[in-house]
C-alpha atoms as a PDB file:
ATOM      1  CA  MET A   1      85.392  82.650 112.131  1.00  0.00           C
ATOM      2  CA  LYS A   2      85.159  85.984 111.003  1.00  0.00           C
ATOM      3  CA  ALA A   3      87.692  87.396 108.618  1.00  0.00           C
ATOM      4  CA  LYS A   4      89.516  89.458 110.789  1.00  0.00           C
ATOM      5  CA  GLN A   5      90.084  86.910 113.260  1.00  0.00           C
ATOM      6  CA  ARG A   6      91.781  84.544 110.348  1.00  0.00           C
ATOM      7  CA  ILE A   7      93.647  86.843 109.131  1.00  0.00           C
ATOM      8  CA  LEU A   8      95.267  87.834 112.613  1.00  0.00           C
ATOM      9  CA  LYS A   9      95.157  84.185 113.323  1.00  0.00           C
ATOM     10  CA  GLN A  10      97.469  83.475 110.032  1.00  0.00           C
ATOM     11  CA  PHE A  11      99.636  86.722 110.975  1.00  0.00           C
ATOM     12  CA  PRO A  12      99.842  87.808 113.988  1.00  0.00           C
ATOM     13  CA  ASP A  13     101.994  90.621 113.262  1.00  0.00           C
ATOM     14  CA  VAL A  14      99.221  92.787 111.038  1.00  0.00           C
ATOM     15  CA  LYS A  15      97.464  95.299 112.071  1.00  0.00           C
ATOM     16  CA  VAL A  16      93.544  94.822 111.556  1.00  0.00           C
ATOM     17  CA  SER A  17      90.666  97.562 111.819  1.00  0.00           C
ATOM     18  CA  GLU A  18      87.524  97.998 110.799  1.00  0.00           C
ATOM     19  CA  HIS A  19      85.652 100.938 109.199  1.00  0.00           C
ATOM     20  CA  LEU A  20      81.922 101.004 107.483  1.00  0.00           C
ATOM     21  CA  ASP A  21      81.739  97.336 106.763  1.00  0.00           C
ATOM     22  CA  MET A  22      85.495  96.844 105.092  1.00  0.00           C
ATOM     23  CA  LEU A  23      88.724  95.299 107.001  1.00  0.00           C
ATOM     24  CA  ALA A  24      91.822  97.859 106.790  1.00  0.00           C
ATOM     25  CA  VAL A  25      95.175  95.431 107.079  1.00  0.00           C
ATOM     26  CA  HIS A  26      97.869  97.611 107.950  1.00  0.00           C
ATOM     27  CA  ALA A  27     101.124  95.079 107.065  1.00  0.00           C
ATOM     28  CA  PRO A  28     104.960  95.207 107.092  1.00  0.00           C
ATOM     29  CA  PRO A  29     106.362  94.922 103.776  1.00  0.00           C
ATOM     30  CA  GLU A  30     108.185  92.173 103.981  1.00  0.00           C
ATOM     31  CA  GLN A  31     104.986  90.307 105.203  1.00  0.00           C
ATOM     32  CA  LEU A  32     103.265  91.802 101.668  1.00  0.00           C
ATOM     33  CA  ILE A  33     103.592  89.087  99.393  1.00  0.00           C
ATOM     34  CA  ASP A  34     102.702  86.113 101.665  1.00  0.00           C
ATOM     35  CA  LEU A  35      99.798  88.078 103.141  1.00  0.00           C
ATOM     36  CA  MET A  36      98.410  89.025  99.649  1.00  0.00           C
ATOM     37  CA  SER A  37      99.167  85.477  97.956  1.00  0.00           C
ATOM     38  CA  TRP A  38      96.904  84.177 101.390  1.00  0.00           C
ATOM     39  CA  LEU A  39      94.115  86.827 100.842  1.00  0.00           C
ATOM     40  CA  LYS A  40      93.513  85.275  97.493  1.00  0.00           C
ATOM     41  CA  ASP A  41      94.315  81.618  97.690  1.00  0.00           C
ATOM     42  CA  ASN A  42      92.430  81.081 101.070  1.00  0.00           C
ATOM     43  CA  PRO A  43      89.019  79.502 100.468  1.00  0.00           C
ATOM     44  CA  LYS A  44      87.294  81.383 103.100  1.00  0.00           C
ATOM     45  CA  LEU A  45      88.733  84.645 101.750  1.00  0.00           C
ATOM     46  CA  LYS A  46      89.323  84.064  98.160  1.00  0.00           C
ATOM     47  CA  PHE A  47      89.739  88.158  97.394  1.00  0.00           C
ATOM     48  CA  GLU A  48      90.319  87.205  94.056  1.00  0.00           C
ATOM     49  CA  LEU A  49      89.896  90.561  92.408  1.00  0.00           C
ATOM     50  CA  LEU A  50      92.303  93.641  93.258  1.00  0.00           C
ATOM     51  CA  THR A  51      90.471  96.906  92.273  1.00  0.00           C
ATOM     52  CA  ASP A  52      92.801  99.509  93.100  1.00  0.00           C
ATOM     53  CA  ALA A  53      96.600  99.959  93.826  1.00  0.00           C
ATOM     54  CA  CYS A  54      97.466 103.569  94.616  1.00  0.00           C
ATOM     55  CA  GLY A  55     100.462 105.469  96.351  1.00  0.00           C
ATOM     56  CA  VAL A  56     100.357 107.759  99.090  1.00  0.00           C
ATOM     57  CA  ASP A  57     102.733 110.789 100.470  1.00  0.00           C
ATOM     58  CA  PHE A  58     102.347 111.227 104.091  1.00  0.00           C
ATOM     59  CA  LEU A  59     104.889 114.619 104.548  1.00  0.00           C
ATOM     60  CA  HIS A  60     103.474 116.566 106.835  1.00  0.00           C
ATOM     61  CA  TYR A  61     100.400 114.684 107.397  1.00  0.00           C
ATOM     62  CA  GLY A  62      98.203 116.031 110.270  1.00  0.00           C
ATOM     63  CA  LYS A  63      99.911 119.420 110.092  1.00  0.00           C
ATOM     64  CA  ALA A  64      97.366 122.313 109.324  1.00  0.00           C
ATOM     65  CA  GLN A  65      97.853 124.054 105.921  1.00  0.00           C
ATOM     66  CA  TRP A  66      96.506 127.695 106.889  1.00  0.00           C
ATOM     67  CA  GLN A  67      95.554 129.538 109.562  1.00  0.00           C
ATOM     68  CA  THR A  68      91.679 129.369 110.381  1.00  0.00           C
ATOM     69  CA  ASP A  69      91.808 130.783 114.122  1.00  0.00           C
ATOM     70  CA  GLN A  70      89.827 133.633 113.022  1.00  0.00           C
ATOM     71  CA  ALA A  71      87.304 132.023 111.266  1.00  0.00           C
ATOM     72  CA  THR A  72      83.780 131.290 112.672  1.00  0.00           C
ATOM     73  CA  SER A  73      82.289 127.927 113.507  1.00  0.00           C
ATOM     74  CA  GLY A  74      80.820 127.625 110.350  1.00  0.00           C
ATOM     75  CA  GLY A  75      83.835 128.955 108.427  1.00  0.00           C
ATOM     76  CA  PHE A  76      86.367 126.427 106.510  1.00  0.00           C
ATOM     77  CA  SER A  77      88.084 124.365 109.045  1.00  0.00           C
ATOM     78  CA  ARG A  78      90.283 122.113 107.208  1.00  0.00           C
ATOM     79  CA  ALA A  79      93.283 120.285 108.845  1.00  0.00           C
ATOM     80  CA  ALA A  80      92.190 122.618 112.106  1.00  0.00           C
ATOM     81  CA  ASP A  81      91.633 119.890 114.013  1.00  0.00           C
ATOM     82  CA  GLN A  82      94.732 117.531 112.681  1.00  0.00           C
ATOM     83  CA  ILE A  83      97.764 119.650 113.741  1.00  0.00           C
ATOM     84  CA  GLY A  84     100.272 117.580 115.110  1.00  0.00           C
ATOM     85  CA  GLU A  85     103.134 115.372 113.806  1.00  0.00           C
ATOM     86  CA  ASN A  86     102.841 112.121 111.780  1.00  0.00           C
ATOM     87  CA  THR A  87     103.842 109.350 113.982  1.00  0.00           C
ATOM     88  CA  GLU A  88     101.391 106.716 112.650  1.00  0.00           C
ATOM     89  CA  HIS A  89     102.925 106.333 108.840  1.00  0.00           C
ATOM     90  CA  GLY A  90     106.244 106.705 107.184  1.00  0.00           C
ATOM     91  CA  ARG A  91     106.620 108.884 104.398  1.00  0.00           C
ATOM     92  CA  PHE A  92     105.286 106.645 101.729  1.00  0.00           C
ATOM     93  CA  ALA A  93     102.881 103.790 101.542  1.00  0.00           C
ATOM     94  CA  MET A  94     100.983 101.251  99.423  1.00  0.00           C
ATOM     95  CA  VAL A  95      97.337 100.790  99.611  1.00  0.00           C
ATOM     96  CA  TYR A  96      95.454  98.050  97.950  1.00  0.00           C
ATOM     97  CA  HIS A  97      91.677  97.259  97.510  1.00  0.00           C
ATOM     98  CA  LEU A  98      90.705  93.434  97.375  1.00  0.00           C
ATOM     99  CA  LEU A  99      87.264  92.332  96.742  1.00  0.00           C
ATOM    100  CA  SER A 100      85.720  88.706  97.240  1.00  0.00           C
ATOM    101  CA  ILE A 101      83.182  88.072  94.646  1.00  0.00           C
ATOM    102  CA  GLU A 102      82.423  84.886  96.407  1.00  0.00           C
ATOM    103  CA  HIS A 103      81.987  85.841  99.901  1.00  0.00           C
ATOM    104  CA  HIS A 104      80.787  89.725  99.165  1.00  0.00           C
ATOM    105  CA  MET A 105      83.893  91.094 101.036  1.00  0.00           C
ATOM    106  CA  ARG A 106      86.113  93.954 100.368  1.00  0.00           C
ATOM    107  CA  VAL A 107      89.368  94.743 102.355  1.00  0.00           C
ATOM    108  CA  ARG A 108      92.207  97.607 102.382  1.00  0.00           C
ATOM    109  CA  VAL A 109      95.794  96.439 102.709  1.00  0.00           C
ATOM    110  CA  ILE A 110      98.222  99.396 103.710  1.00  0.00           C
ATOM    111  CA  THR A 111     101.676  99.058 103.848  1.00  0.00           C
ATOM    112  CA  ASP A 112     104.361 101.320 104.893  1.00  0.00           C
ATOM    113  CA  LEU A 113     107.267 101.985 102.968  1.00  0.00           C
ATOM    114  CA  ALA A 114     111.006 103.817 103.555  1.00  0.00           C
ATOM    115  CA  ASP A 115     112.330 106.903 102.194  1.00  0.00           C
ATOM    116  CA  PRO A 116     113.611 106.040  98.903  1.00  0.00           C
ATOM    117  CA  PRO A 117     109.977 104.049  98.510  1.00  0.00           C
ATOM    118  CA  ILE A 118     110.580 100.422  97.417  1.00  0.00           C
ATOM    119  CA  ALA A 119     108.188  97.629  97.334  1.00  0.00           C
ATOM    120  CA  HIS A 120     107.791  94.447  95.697  1.00  0.00           C
ATOM    121  CA  THR A 121     105.482  93.669  93.032  1.00  0.00           C
ATOM    122  CA  LEU A 122     102.287  91.690  92.939  1.00  0.00           C
ATOM    123  CA  VAL A 123     101.953  91.051  89.183  1.00  0.00           C
ATOM    124  CA  GLY A 124     102.802  87.655  89.893  1.00  0.00           C
ATOM    125  CA  ILE A 125      99.271  87.288  91.838  1.00  0.00           C
ATOM    126  CA  TRP A 126      97.324  90.087  90.010  1.00  0.00           C
ATOM    127  CA  PRO A 127      98.574  90.708  86.858  1.00  0.00           C
ATOM    128  CA  ASN A 128      96.079  93.559  86.179  1.00  0.00           C
ATOM    129  CA  VAL A 129      98.591  95.562  89.391  1.00  0.00           C
ATOM    130  CA  GLU A 130     101.135  96.583  86.376  1.00  0.00           C
ATOM    131  CA  TRP A 131      99.513  99.690  85.326  1.00  0.00           C
ATOM    132  CA  TYR A 132      99.039 100.757  89.086  1.00  0.00           C
ATOM    133  CA  GLU A 133     102.068  99.921  89.600  1.00  0.00           C
ATOM    134  CA  ARG A 134     103.205 102.075  87.085  1.00  0.00           C
ATOM    135  CA  GLU A 135     100.978 104.954  88.215  1.00  0.00           C
ATOM    136  CA  ALA A 136     102.393 104.662  91.749  1.00  0.00           C
ATOM    137  CA  TYR A 137     105.897 104.966  90.515  1.00  0.00           C
ATOM    138  CA  ASP A 138     105.124 107.740  87.717  1.00  0.00           C
ATOM    139  CA  LEU A 139     103.557 109.885  90.316  1.00  0.00           C
ATOM    140  CA  TYR A 140     105.243 109.345  93.319  1.00  0.00           C
ATOM    141  CA  GLY A 141     108.369 107.750  92.601  1.00  0.00           C
ATOM    142  CA  ILE A 142     107.587 104.285  94.419  1.00  0.00           C
ATOM    143  CA  LEU A 143     110.047 101.687  92.690  1.00  0.00           C
ATOM    144  CA  PHE A 144     108.493  98.082  92.469  1.00  0.00           C
ATOM    145  CA  GLU A 145     110.774  95.203  92.666  1.00  0.00           C
ATOM    146  CA  LYS A 146     110.593  92.596  89.817  1.00  0.00           C
ATOM    147  CA  HIS A 147     108.007  94.518  87.985  1.00  0.00           C
ATOM    148  CA  PRO A 148     108.129  93.755  84.232  1.00  0.00           C
ATOM    149  CA  ASP A 149     107.727  96.923  82.702  1.00  0.00           C
ATOM    150  CA  LEU A 150     108.325  99.546  85.394  1.00  0.00           C
ATOM    151  CA  ARG A 151     107.931 103.393  82.867  1.00  0.00           C
ATOM    152  CA  ARG A 152     106.045 106.084  83.423  1.00  0.00           C
ATOM    153  CA  ILE A 153     102.306 105.809  82.131  1.00  0.00           C
ATOM    154  CA  LEU A 154     100.950 109.388  82.837  1.00  0.00           C
ATOM    155  CA  THR A 155     103.419 111.912  82.527  1.00  0.00           C
ATOM    156  CA  ASP A 156     105.604 112.736  79.137  1.00  0.00           C
ATOM    157  CA  TYR A 157     108.938 110.876  78.348  1.00  0.00           C
ATOM    158  CA  GLY A 158     111.207 113.823  79.691  1.00  0.00           C
ATOM    159  CA  PHE A 159     109.159 114.703  82.617  1.00  0.00           C
ATOM    160  CA  SER A 160     111.267 115.433  85.701  1.00  0.00           C
ATOM    161  CA  GLY A 161     110.324 114.396  89.142  1.00  0.00           C
ATOM    162  CA  HIS A 162     106.819 112.903  90.559  1.00  0.00           C
ATOM    163  CA  PRO A 163     103.904 115.309  90.451  1.00  0.00           C
ATOM    164  CA  LEU A 164     101.739 113.955  93.296  1.00  0.00           C
ATOM    165  CA  ARG A 165     104.374 113.995  96.021  1.00  0.00           C
ATOM    166  CA  LYS A 166     103.831 116.788  98.447  1.00  0.00           C
ATOM    167  CA  ASP A 167     106.923 118.638  97.633  1.00  0.00           C
ATOM    168  CA  PHE A 168     106.697 118.590  94.444  1.00  0.00           C
ATOM    169  CA  PRO A 169     106.000 122.401  93.698  1.00  0.00           C
ATOM    170  CA  LEU A 170     102.457 123.265  92.478  1.00  0.00           C
ATOM    171  CA  ILE A 171     103.634 125.028  89.573  1.00  0.00           C
ATOM    172  CA  GLY A 172     106.031 122.125  88.650  1.00  0.00           C
ATOM    173  CA  GLU A 173     109.587 122.515  87.052  1.00  0.00           C
ATOM    174  CA  VAL A 174     109.879 122.791  84.034  1.00  0.00           C
ATOM    175  CA  ALA A 175     107.274 124.818  81.264  1.00  0.00           C
ATOM    176  CA  ILE A 176     107.051 123.245  77.574  1.00  0.00           C
ATOM    177  CA  ARG A 177     106.133 125.399  74.699  1.00  0.00           C
ATOM    178  CA  TYR A 178     106.207 124.926  70.814  1.00  0.00           C
ATOM    179  CA  ASP A 179     109.225 126.719  69.056  1.00  0.00           C
ATOM    180  CA  ALA A 180     108.611 127.634  65.642  1.00  0.00           C
ATOM    181  CA  GLN A 181     111.866 128.419  64.291  1.00  0.00           C
ATOM    182  CA  LYS A 182     113.187 124.997  65.846  1.00  0.00           C
ATOM    183  CA  GLN A 183     109.417 123.212  64.673  1.00  0.00           C
ATOM    184  CA  SER A 184     109.608 121.007  67.920  1.00  0.00           C
ATOM    185  CA  CYS A 185     108.546 121.751  71.770  1.00  0.00           C
ATOM    186  CA  VAL A 186     111.086 122.869  73.933  1.00  0.00           C
ATOM    187  CA  TYR A 187     111.243 122.333  77.538  1.00  0.00           C
ATOM    188  CA  GLU A 188     112.333 126.144  79.726  1.00  0.00           C
ATOM    189  CA  PRO A 189     112.265 126.767  83.450  1.00  0.00           C
ATOM    190  CA  VAL A 190     109.186 127.841  84.968  1.00  0.00           C
ATOM    191  CA  ASP A 191     108.588 131.532  85.346  1.00  0.00           C
ATOM    192  CA  ILE A 192     105.207 131.581  87.246  1.00  0.00           C
ATOM    193  CA  ILE A 193     105.584 132.377  90.777  1.00  0.00           C
ATOM    194  CA  GLU A 194     103.877 129.558  93.465  1.00  0.00           C
ATOM    195  CA  LYS A 195     101.092 130.941  94.854  1.00  0.00           C
ATOM    196  CA  VAL A 196      99.432 129.114  97.623  1.00  0.00           C
ATOM    197  CA  ASN A 197      95.273 129.272  97.545  1.00  0.00           C
ATOM    198  CA  ILE A 198      93.591 130.034 100.433  1.00  0.00           C
ATOM    199  CA  PRO A 199      89.644 129.584 100.294  1.00  0.00           C
ATOM    200  CA  LYS A 200      87.053 132.381 101.193  1.00  0.00           C
ATOM    201  CA  VAL A 201      85.446 131.525 104.634  1.00  0.00           C
ATOM    202  CA  ILE A 202      81.757 131.985 103.610  1.00  0.00           C
ATOM    203  CA  ARG A 203      79.463 133.028 106.367  1.00  0.00           C
ATOM    204  CA  HIS A 204      75.527 133.064 106.132  1.00  0.00           C
ATOM    205  CA  ASP A 205      73.925 136.349 105.351  1.00  0.00           C
ATOM    206  CA  ALA A 206      70.127 137.013 106.312  1.00  0.00           C
ATOM    207  CA  ARG A 207      69.829 139.549 103.662  1.00  0.00           C
ATOM    208  CA  PHE A 208      69.726 136.852 100.767  1.00  0.00           C
ATOM    209  CA  ASP A 209      67.092 134.684 102.430  1.00  0.00           C
ATOM    210  CA  GLU A 210      64.910 137.679 102.845  1.00  0.00           C
ATOM    211  CA  ARG A 211      65.714 138.331  99.282  1.00  0.00           C
ATOM    212  CA  ALA A 212      64.509 134.716  98.300  1.00  0.00           C
ATOM    213  CA  GLU A 213      61.502 135.006 100.655  1.00  0.00           C
ATOM    214  CA  GLY A 214      60.430 137.820  98.648  1.00  0.00           C
ATOM    215  CA  GLU A 215      60.528 136.392  94.771  1.00  0.00           C
ATOM    216  CA  SER A 216      58.945 133.074  95.965  1.00  0.00           C
ATOM    217  CA  SER A 217      55.912 135.055  97.098  1.00  0.00           C
END
């Protein structure tokens, strides 16, 4: 029996797809603990190693970020073919990557989270997930129930907000500088005007081909 069939037999409510020789399991958050424990302990699967865990923010997912109607077919077309509302995911999600060394298999587990995002910690299953969950909390604001030490891990102690959320301003919310009179760092409101960087559309120019041919000859 293949891994996909085993998972669906044990957890019929999850969605399982296969892409590039790796399974992707979309599981509801209330089944996450049971699913992960089973994936690790099942002797036919034995996903004993958690290699990565990260948060995702699907805000504005599928919507174009800039206008590309005037670009040529060879121009920059980011998001031009993905215009539409996000109906597949909620606002937030957690994504886990597991590895079975014995059976040489990988699996990706995705679980959607509500807003505000709250998930159950997996420290009791894979202790190394502790820092991954702290990173997801720091950058996305995802809370993990029963986490032993849920603190920021990448940003400063007084940092405000979660910088990888899609609604977090690109220029940040506060600026830090050293004050010589106070002999300490101080936080101030950001005075930079936020801009959206639109990439240039680079088109092919035959003149450079002719110049290159002349130099090579």
